[in-house]
Amino acid sequence: MGHSHGLPIGSGLIATSVALSGTPAGIYSAMYIWVVLVAARSFSYFGLTSQLLGILATYGIALSTLDTGPTEFANSTRWLLSVFALTVTGIISLRLVSDARDKEAELTRLSDDHRSRETQDQASTRRDSHQNRLEAAPGAGSLAEPGR
């Protein structure tokens, strides 16, 4: 199963865990960070945005099934903090992945250019060596010359 199908399923399972835990303050919602990190590694801005929307929708639904105590954050506050944290994490992660891919592409291009120059230099050296051997070889009539 590819990331495009696995991540929404993962988001749904996390939301189910949140809802079944009976408390919005449980640890399960922290697992959404992994969905965001995988999405940032695997997708473009559009793909990351769609994953974030799915996460936030499933988390919002899960939170709506839970009651908060008088000393807890309101579910809407918890959801808004998650929007901020997951969005910032996703954007920064996507940017880091994008920069790393750009650097990798540049290194690959430089390596390919270097290999191409080495191949050209080797071919040029072979041609020069062959030309030098031809110039150093005695001429066809040199054996017939007097004194030899």
Foldseek 3Di string as FASTA:
>chain_A
DDLLPVLLVVLLVLLVVCLVVQAVPDPSLVCVLVSLLVQLLPHDPVSSVVSLVSNLVSNLVSLVNHDHDPPDDRSVVVSVVCSVVSVVSNVVSNVVNVVVVVVVVVVVVVVVVVVVVVVVVVVVVVVVVVVVVVVPDDDPCPVVDPPD
